[in-house]
Amino acid sequence: MLHPSYSDLMKVVNSEVEQGEAPVVNSRYSIVMATAKRARQIIGGEDPLVKEKGAKPLSVAVEELNQGKIKILSEDE
C-alpha cells in the first residue's frame, strides 16, 4: 500500500491551484507517471531531494512529491 495515498498526493500537487482553475492532476495515472519519471532520474544518478536511508528510488520520489520538493507541471507549462 502506498503511503501517503494517491488522494493525499493529488491534494499536495493541486494545493497551489487557485479556485476556479483546472487542477494540475486529475488522476492517479498522473501521479504514477510523475513519480516513476523522478525515480528513473534518481536511478540515473540525480541526487535525492529528501533523506531516506535505505529507501528505494520510487519511495524517495513519492516522499519528494509529498513534501513539495518536486512539482508536476501542467501541459501548458
PDB file of N, CA and C in Angstrom:
ATOM      1  N   MET A   1       0.847  -1.178   0.000  1.00  0.00           N
ATOM      2  CA  MET A   1       0.000   0.000   0.000  1.00  0.00           C
ATOM      3  C   MET A   1       0.893   1.243   0.000  1.00  0.00           C
ATOM      4  N   LEU A   2       0.489   2.230  -0.741  1.00  0.00           N
ATOM      5  CA  LEU A   2       1.255   3.459  -0.882  1.00  0.00           C
ATOM      6  C   LEU A   2       0.887   4.441   0.224  1.00  0.00           C
ATOM      7  N   HIS A   3       1.917   4.929   0.910  1.00  0.00           N
ATOM      8  CA  HIS A   3       1.717   5.954   1.935  1.00  0.00           C
ATOM      9  C   HIS A   3       2.593   7.129   1.578  1.00  0.00           C
ATOM     10  N   PRO A   4       2.107   8.269   1.399  1.00  0.00           N
ATOM     11  CA  PRO A   4       0.724   8.706   1.512  1.00  0.00           C
ATOM     12  C   PRO A   4      -0.125   8.177   0.351  1.00  0.00           C
ATOM     13  N   SER A   5      -1.418   8.277   0.499  1.00  0.00           N
ATOM     14  CA  SER A   5      -2.327   7.748  -0.508  1.00  0.00           C
ATOM     15  C   SER A   5      -2.311   8.624  -1.757  1.00  0.00           C
ATOM     16  N   TYR A   6      -2.843   8.084  -2.845  1.00  0.00           N
ATOM     17  CA  TYR A   6      -2.936   8.841  -4.093  1.00  0.00           C
ATOM     18  C   TYR A   6      -3.730  10.135  -3.894  1.00  0.00           C
ATOM     19  N   SER A   7      -4.817  10.032  -3.160  1.00  0.00           N
ATOM     20  CA  SER A   7      -5.649  11.230  -2.964  1.00  0.00           C
ATOM     21  C   SER A   7      -4.899  12.293  -2.164  1.00  0.00           C
ATOM     22  N   ASP A   8      -4.088  11.879  -1.194  1.00  0.00           N
ATOM     23  CA  ASP A   8      -3.271  12.836  -0.438  1.00  0.00           C
ATOM     24  C   ASP A   8      -2.244  13.509  -1.350  1.00  0.00           C
ATOM     25  N   LEU A   9      -1.609  12.718  -2.208  1.00  0.00           N
ATOM     26  CA  LEU A   9      -0.631  13.277  -3.135  1.00  0.00           C
ATOM     27  C   LEU A   9      -1.283  14.237  -4.132  1.00  0.00           C
ATOM     28  N   MET A  10      -2.483  13.900  -4.569  1.00  0.00           N
ATOM     29  CA  MET A  10      -3.201  14.781  -5.504  1.00  0.00           C
ATOM     30  C   MET A  10      -3.521  16.111  -4.831  1.00  0.00           C
ATOM     31  N   LYS A  11      -3.862  16.079  -3.553  1.00  0.00           N
ATOM     32  CA  LYS A  11      -4.137  17.319  -2.814  1.00  0.00           C
ATOM     33  C   LYS A  11      -2.884  18.183  -2.711  1.00  0.00           C
ATOM     34  N   VAL A  12      -1.738  17.552  -2.447  1.00  0.00           N
ATOM     35  CA  VAL A  12      -0.485  18.294  -2.348  1.00  0.00           C
ATOM     36  C   VAL A  12      -0.144  18.943  -3.681  1.00  0.00           C
ATOM     37  N   VAL A  13      -0.257  18.181  -4.752  1.00  0.00           N
ATOM     38  CA  VAL A  13       0.092  18.693  -6.082  1.00  0.00           C
ATOM     39  C   VAL A  13      -0.836  19.828  -6.493  1.00  0.00           C
ATOM     40  N   ASN A  14      -2.110  19.695  -6.176  1.00  0.00           N
ATOM     41  CA  ASN A  14      -3.094  20.700  -6.584  1.00  0.00           C
ATOM     42  C   ASN A  14      -3.272  21.819  -5.563  1.00  0.00           C
ATOM     43  N   SER A  15      -2.477  21.827  -4.504  1.00  0.00           N
ATOM     44  CA  SER A  15      -2.659  22.811  -3.433  1.00  0.00           C
ATOM     45  C   SER A  15      -2.387  24.250  -3.884  1.00  0.00           C
ATOM     46  N   GLU A  16      -1.545  24.433  -4.876  1.00  0.00           N
ATOM     47  CA  GLU A  16      -1.222  25.778  -5.336  1.00  0.00           C
ATOM     48  C   GLU A  16      -2.154  26.288  -6.431  1.00  0.00           C
ATOM     49  N   VAL A  17      -3.095  25.464  -6.850  1.00  0.00           N
ATOM     50  CA  VAL A  17      -4.045  25.867  -7.880  1.00  0.00           C
ATOM     51  C   VAL A  17      -5.111  26.747  -7.247  1.00  0.00           C
ATOM     52  N   GLU A  18      -5.330  27.895  -7.832  1.00  0.00           N
ATOM     53  CA  GLU A  18      -6.332  28.813  -7.290  1.00  0.00           C
ATOM     54  C   GLU A  18      -7.733  28.326  -7.645  1.00  0.00           C
ATOM     55  N   GLN A  19      -8.677  28.724  -6.817  1.00  0.00           N
ATOM     56  CA  GLN A  19     -10.053  28.307  -7.007  1.00  0.00           C
ATOM     57  C   GLN A  19     -10.546  28.767  -8.374  1.00  0.00           C
ATOM     58  N   GLY A  20     -11.192  27.875  -9.097  1.00  0.00           N
ATOM     59  CA  GLY A  20     -11.706  28.174 -10.423  1.00  0.00           C
ATOM     60  C   GLY A  20     -10.789  27.717 -11.542  1.00  0.00           C
ATOM     61  N   GLU A  21      -9.513  27.481 -11.233  1.00  0.00           N
ATOM     62  CA  GLU A  21      -8.574  26.977 -12.226  1.00  0.00           C
ATOM     63  C   GLU A  21      -8.657  25.458 -12.283  1.00  0.00           C
ATOM     64  N   ALA A  22      -8.244  24.913 -13.415  1.00  0.00           N
ATOM     65  CA  ALA A  22      -8.236  23.460 -13.570  1.00  0.00           C
ATOM     66  C   ALA A  22      -7.103  22.867 -12.735  1.00  0.00           C
ATOM     67  N   PRO A  23      -7.352  21.747 -12.066  1.00  0.00           N
ATOM     68  CA  PRO A  23      -6.289  21.120 -11.279  1.00  0.00           C
ATOM     69  C   PRO A  23      -5.174  20.595 -12.178  1.00  0.00           C
ATOM     70  N   VAL A  24      -3.959  20.572 -11.663  1.00  0.00           N
ATOM     71  CA  VAL A  24      -2.811  20.072 -12.414  1.00  0.00           C
ATOM     72  C   VAL A  24      -2.951  18.565 -12.618  1.00  0.00           C
ATOM     73  N   VAL A  25      -3.395  17.881 -11.586  1.00  0.00           N
ATOM     74  CA  VAL A  25      -3.525  16.424 -11.617  1.00  0.00           C
ATOM     75  C   VAL A  25      -4.985  16.042 -11.421  1.00  0.00           C
ATOM     76  N   ASN A  26      -5.480  15.208 -12.326  1.00  0.00           N
ATOM     77  CA  ASN A  26      -6.862  14.748 -12.236  1.00  0.00           C
ATOM     78  C   ASN A  26      -6.976  13.261 -11.940  1.00  0.00           C
ATOM     79  N   SER A  27      -5.864  12.537 -12.043  1.00  0.00           N
ATOM     80  CA  SER A  27      -5.957  11.088 -11.915  1.00  0.00           C
ATOM     81  C   SER A  27      -4.728  10.503 -11.233  1.00  0.00           C
ATOM     82  N   ARG A  28      -4.877   9.284 -10.781  1.00  0.00           N
ATOM     83  CA  ARG A  28      -3.763   8.571 -10.174  1.00  0.00           C
ATOM     84  C   ARG A  28      -2.684   8.301 -11.205  1.00  0.00           C
ATOM     85  N   TYR A  29      -3.076   8.143 -12.462  1.00  0.00           N
ATOM     86  CA  TYR A  29      -2.129   7.887 -13.535  1.00  0.00           C
ATOM     87  C   TYR A  29      -1.063   8.985 -13.590  1.00  0.00           C
ATOM     88  N   SER A  30      -1.470  10.229 -13.446  1.00  0.00           N
ATOM     89  CA  SER A  30      -0.526  11.354 -13.475  1.00  0.00           C
ATOM     90  C   SER A  30       0.483  11.265 -12.331  1.00  0.00           C
ATOM     91  N   ILE A  31       0.017  10.873 -11.159  1.00  0.00           N
ATOM     92  CA  ILE A  31       0.891  10.702 -10.006  1.00  0.00           C
ATOM     93  C   ILE A  31       1.894   9.581 -10.270  1.00  0.00           C
ATOM     94  N   VAL A  32       1.409   8.473 -10.795  1.00  0.00           N
ATOM     95  CA  VAL A  32       2.264   7.321 -11.078  1.00  0.00           C
ATOM     96  C   VAL A  32       3.329   7.692 -12.111  1.00  0.00           C
ATOM     97  N   MET A  33       2.932   8.365 -13.177  1.00  0.00           N
ATOM     98  CA  MET A  33       3.886   8.740 -14.223  1.00  0.00           C
ATOM     99  C   MET A  33       4.939   9.710 -13.698  1.00  0.00           C
ATOM    100  N   ALA A  34       4.535  10.680 -12.901  1.00  0.00           N
ATOM    101  CA  ALA A  34       5.475  11.670 -12.376  1.00  0.00           C
ATOM    102  C   ALA A  34       6.466  11.036 -11.408  1.00  0.00           C
ATOM    103  N   THR A  35       5.986  10.188 -10.518  1.00  0.00           N
ATOM    104  CA  THR A  35       6.899   9.569  -9.550  1.00  0.00           C
ATOM    105  C   THR A  35       7.813   8.551 -10.237  1.00  0.00           C
ATOM    106  N   ALA A  36       7.313   7.849 -11.237  1.00  0.00           N
ATOM    107  CA  ALA A  36       8.160   6.905 -11.977  1.00  0.00           C
ATOM    108  C   ALA A  36       9.261   7.648 -12.726  1.00  0.00           C
ATOM    109  N   LYS A  37       8.922   8.777 -13.317  1.00  0.00           N
ATOM    110  CA  LYS A  37       9.928   9.580 -14.024  1.00  0.00           C
ATOM    111  C   LYS A  37      11.003  10.063 -13.060  1.00  0.00           C
ATOM    112  N   ARG A  38      10.586  10.550 -11.902  1.00  0.00           N
ATOM    113  CA  ARG A  38      11.542  11.034 -10.901  1.00  0.00           C
ATOM    114  C   ARG A  38      12.400   9.883 -10.379  1.00  0.00           C
ATOM    115  N   ALA A  39      11.798   8.711 -10.170  1.00  0.00           N
ATOM    116  CA  ALA A  39      12.564   7.553  -9.700  1.00  0.00           C
ATOM    117  C   ALA A  39      13.632   7.173 -10.725  1.00  0.00           C
ATOM    118  N   ARG A  40      13.313   7.241 -12.010  1.00  0.00           N
ATOM    119  CA  ARG A  40      14.301   6.954 -13.049  1.00  0.00           C
ATOM    120  C   ARG A  40      15.439   7.975 -13.021  1.00  0.00           C
ATOM    121  N   GLN A  41      15.111   9.232 -12.727  1.00  0.00           N
ATOM    122  CA  GLN A  41      16.152  10.256 -12.615  1.00  0.00           C
ATOM    123  C   GLN A  41      17.096   9.943 -11.451  1.00  0.00           C
ATOM    124  N   ILE A  42      16.525   9.508 -10.342  1.00  0.00           N
ATOM    125  CA  ILE A  42      17.337   9.161  -9.169  1.00  0.00           C
ATOM    126  C   ILE A  42      18.227   7.958  -9.478  1.00  0.00           C
ATOM    127  N   ILE A  43      17.661   6.956 -10.136  1.00  0.00           N
ATOM    128  CA  ILE A  43      18.434   5.779 -10.535  1.00  0.00           C
ATOM    129  C   ILE A  43      19.567   6.190 -11.473  1.00  0.00           C
ATOM    130  N   GLY A  44      19.287   7.178 -12.322  1.00  0.00           N
ATOM    131  CA  GLY A  44      20.274   7.661 -13.286  1.00  0.00           C
ATOM    132  C   GLY A  44      21.373   8.505 -12.671  1.00  0.00           C
ATOM    133  N   GLY A  45      21.302   8.791 -11.383  1.00  0.00           N
ATOM    134  CA  GLY A  45      22.389   9.486 -10.720  1.00  0.00           C
ATOM    135  C   GLY A  45      22.052  10.839 -10.115  1.00  0.00           C
ATOM    136  N   GLU A  46      20.837  11.341 -10.318  1.00  0.00           N
ATOM    137  CA  GLU A  46      20.487  12.623  -9.702  1.00  0.00           C
ATOM    138  C   GLU A  46      20.355  12.454  -8.193  1.00  0.00           C
ATOM    139  N   ASP A  47      20.717  13.500  -7.475  1.00  0.00           N
ATOM    140  CA  ASP A  47      20.656  13.451  -6.016  1.00  0.00           C
ATOM    141  C   ASP A  47      19.219  13.543  -5.525  1.00  0.00           C
ATOM    142  N   PRO A  48      18.857  12.699  -4.560  1.00  0.00           N
ATOM    143  CA  PRO A  48      17.528  12.798  -3.959  1.00  0.00           C
ATOM    144  C   PRO A  48      17.386  14.121  -3.201  1.00  0.00           C
ATOM    145  N   LEU A  49      16.188  14.654  -3.176  1.00  0.00           N
ATOM    146  CA  LEU A  49      15.921  15.920  -2.502  1.00  0.00           C
ATOM    147  C   LEU A  49      15.477  15.726  -1.055  1.00  0.00           C
ATOM    148  N   VAL A  50      15.252  14.481  -0.654  1.00  0.00           N
ATOM    149  CA  VAL A  50      14.919  14.148   0.732  1.00  0.00           C
ATOM    150  C   VAL A  50      15.848  13.028   1.179  1.00  0.00           C
ATOM    151  N   LYS A  51      16.083  12.971   2.461  1.00  0.00           N
ATOM    152  CA  LYS A  51      16.959  11.935   3.020  1.00  0.00           C
ATOM    153  C   LYS A  51      16.105  10.781   3.524  1.00  0.00           C
ATOM    154  N   GLU A  52      16.212   9.665   2.836  1.00  0.00           N
ATOM    155  CA  GLU A  52      15.503   8.442   3.218  1.00  0.00           C
ATOM    156  C   GLU A  52      16.530   7.317   3.202  1.00  0.00           C
ATOM    157  N   LYS A  53      17.012   6.909   4.356  1.00  0.00           N
ATOM    158  CA  LYS A  53      18.028   5.865   4.408  1.00  0.00           C
ATOM    159  C   LYS A  53      17.450   4.529   3.956  1.00  0.00           C
ATOM    160  N   GLY A  54      18.135   3.939   2.993  1.00  0.00           N
ATOM    161  CA  GLY A  54      17.752   2.613   2.533  1.00  0.00           C
ATOM    162  C   GLY A  54      16.475   2.563   1.717  1.00  0.00           C
ATOM    163  N   ALA A  55      15.907   3.710   1.400  1.00  0.00           N
ATOM    164  CA  ALA A  55      14.652   3.729   0.654  1.00  0.00           C
ATOM    165  C   ALA A  55      14.913   3.503  -0.829  1.00  0.00           C
ATOM    166  N   LYS A  56      13.976   2.854  -1.458  1.00  0.00           N
ATOM    167  CA  LYS A  56      14.066   2.622  -2.897  1.00  0.00           C
ATOM    168  C   LYS A  56      13.760   3.932  -3.629  1.00  0.00           C
ATOM    169  N   PRO A  57      14.252   4.063  -4.863  1.00  0.00           N
ATOM    170  CA  PRO A  57      14.061   5.310  -5.610  1.00  0.00           C
ATOM    171  C   PRO A  57      12.595   5.742  -5.742  1.00  0.00           C
ATOM    172  N   LEU A  58      11.683   4.816  -5.908  1.00  0.00           N
ATOM    173  CA  LEU A  58      10.275   5.189  -6.031  1.00  0.00           C
ATOM    174  C   LEU A  58       9.745   5.746  -4.713  1.00  0.00           C
ATOM    175  N   SER A  59      10.147   5.163  -3.611  1.00  0.00           N
ATOM    176  CA  SER A  59       9.724   5.678  -2.306  1.00  0.00           C
ATOM    177  C   SER A  59      10.268   7.085  -2.071  1.00  0.00           C
ATOM    178  N   VAL A  60      11.498   7.320  -2.501  1.00  0.00           N
ATOM    179  CA  VAL A  60      12.093   8.648  -2.379  1.00  0.00           C
ATOM    180  C   VAL A  60      11.317   9.640  -3.236  1.00  0.00           C
ATOM    181  N   ALA A  61      10.976   9.243  -4.463  1.00  0.00           N
ATOM    182  CA  ALA A  61      10.230  10.125  -5.365  1.00  0.00           C
ATOM    183  C   ALA A  61       8.855  10.472  -4.796  1.00  0.00           C
ATOM    184  N   VAL A  62       8.183   9.506  -4.212  1.00  0.00           N
ATOM    185  CA  VAL A  62       6.871   9.753  -3.600  1.00  0.00           C
ATOM    186  C   VAL A  62       7.016  10.735  -2.444  1.00  0.00           C
ATOM    187  N   GLU A  63       8.034  10.554  -1.622  1.00  0.00           N
ATOM    188  CA  GLU A  63       8.240  11.451  -0.485  1.00  0.00           C
ATOM    189  C   GLU A  63       8.608  12.859  -0.944  1.00  0.00           C
ATOM    190  N   GLU A  64       9.396  12.963  -2.011  1.00  0.00           N
ATOM    191  CA  GLU A  64       9.721  14.277  -2.573  1.00  0.00           C
ATOM    192  C   GLU A  64       8.456  14.995  -3.023  1.00  0.00           C
ATOM    193  N   LEU A  65       7.574  14.270  -3.682  1.00  0.00           N
ATOM    194  CA  LEU A  65       6.310  14.864  -4.134  1.00  0.00           C
ATOM    195  C   LEU A  65       5.441  15.256  -2.949  1.00  0.00           C
ATOM    196  N   ASN A  66       5.378  14.401  -1.950  1.00  0.00           N
ATOM    197  CA  ASN A  66       4.565  14.666  -0.767  1.00  0.00           C
ATOM    198  C   ASN A  66       5.052  15.899  -0.005  1.00  0.00           C
ATOM    199  N   GLN A  67       6.360  16.102   0.042  1.00  0.00           N
ATOM    200  CA  GLN A  67       6.921  17.244   0.751  1.00  0.00           C
ATOM    201  C   GLN A  67       6.964  18.514  -0.107  1.00  0.00           C
ATOM    202  N   GLY A  68       6.545  18.400  -1.355  1.00  0.00           N
ATOM    203  CA  GLY A  68       6.532  19.570  -2.229  1.00  0.00           C
ATOM    204  C   GLY A  68       7.899  19.931  -2.777  1.00  0.00           C
ATOM    205  N   LYS A  69       8.833  19.010  -2.730  1.00  0.00           N
ATOM    206  CA  LYS A  69      10.185  19.256  -3.242  1.00  0.00           C
ATOM    207  C   LYS A  69      10.223  19.218  -4.764  1.00  0.00           C
ATOM    208  N   ILE A  70       9.287  18.475  -5.378  1.00  0.00           N
ATOM    209  CA  ILE A  70       9.168  18.435  -6.826  1.00  0.00           C
ATOM    210  C   ILE A  70       7.751  18.832  -7.192  1.00  0.00           C
ATOM    211  N   LYS A  71       7.597  19.336  -8.385  1.00  0.00           N
ATOM    212  CA  LYS A  71       6.288  19.797  -8.857  1.00  0.00           C
ATOM    213  C   LYS A  71       5.924  19.052 -10.135  1.00  0.00           C
ATOM    214  N   ILE A  72       4.647  18.836 -10.330  1.00  0.00           N
ATOM    215  CA  ILE A  72       4.127  18.319 -11.579  1.00  0.00           C
ATOM    216  C   ILE A  72       3.588  19.525 -12.334  1.00  0.00           C
ATOM    217  N   LEU A  73       4.127  19.743 -13.507  1.00  0.00           N
ATOM    218  CA  LEU A  73       3.699  20.878 -14.306  1.00  0.00           C
ATOM    219  C   LEU A  73       2.562  20.464 -15.242  1.00  0.00           C
ATOM    220  N   SER A  74       1.658  21.402 -15.477  1.00  0.00           N
ATOM    221  CA  SER A  74       0.588  21.128 -16.434  1.00  0.00           C
ATOM    222  C   SER A  74       1.160  21.123 -17.831  1.00  0.00           C
ATOM    223  N   GLU A  75       0.403  20.660 -18.797  1.00  0.00           N
ATOM    224  CA  GLU A  75       0.886  20.586 -20.172  1.00  0.00           C
ATOM    225  C   GLU A  75       1.193  21.969 -20.730  1.00  0.00           C
ATOM    226  N   ASP A  76       0.562  23.008 -20.212  1.00  0.00           N
ATOM    227  CA  ASP A  76       0.781  24.370 -20.681  1.00  0.00           C
ATOM    228  C   ASP A  76       2.147  24.905 -20.288  1.00  0.00           C
ATOM    229  N   GLU A  77       2.714  24.358 -19.203  1.00  0.00           N
ATOM    230  CA  GLU A  77       3.964  24.899 -18.646  1.00  0.00           C
ATOM    231  C   GLU A  77       5.146  24.208 -19.233  1.00  0.00           C
TER     232      GLU A  77
END
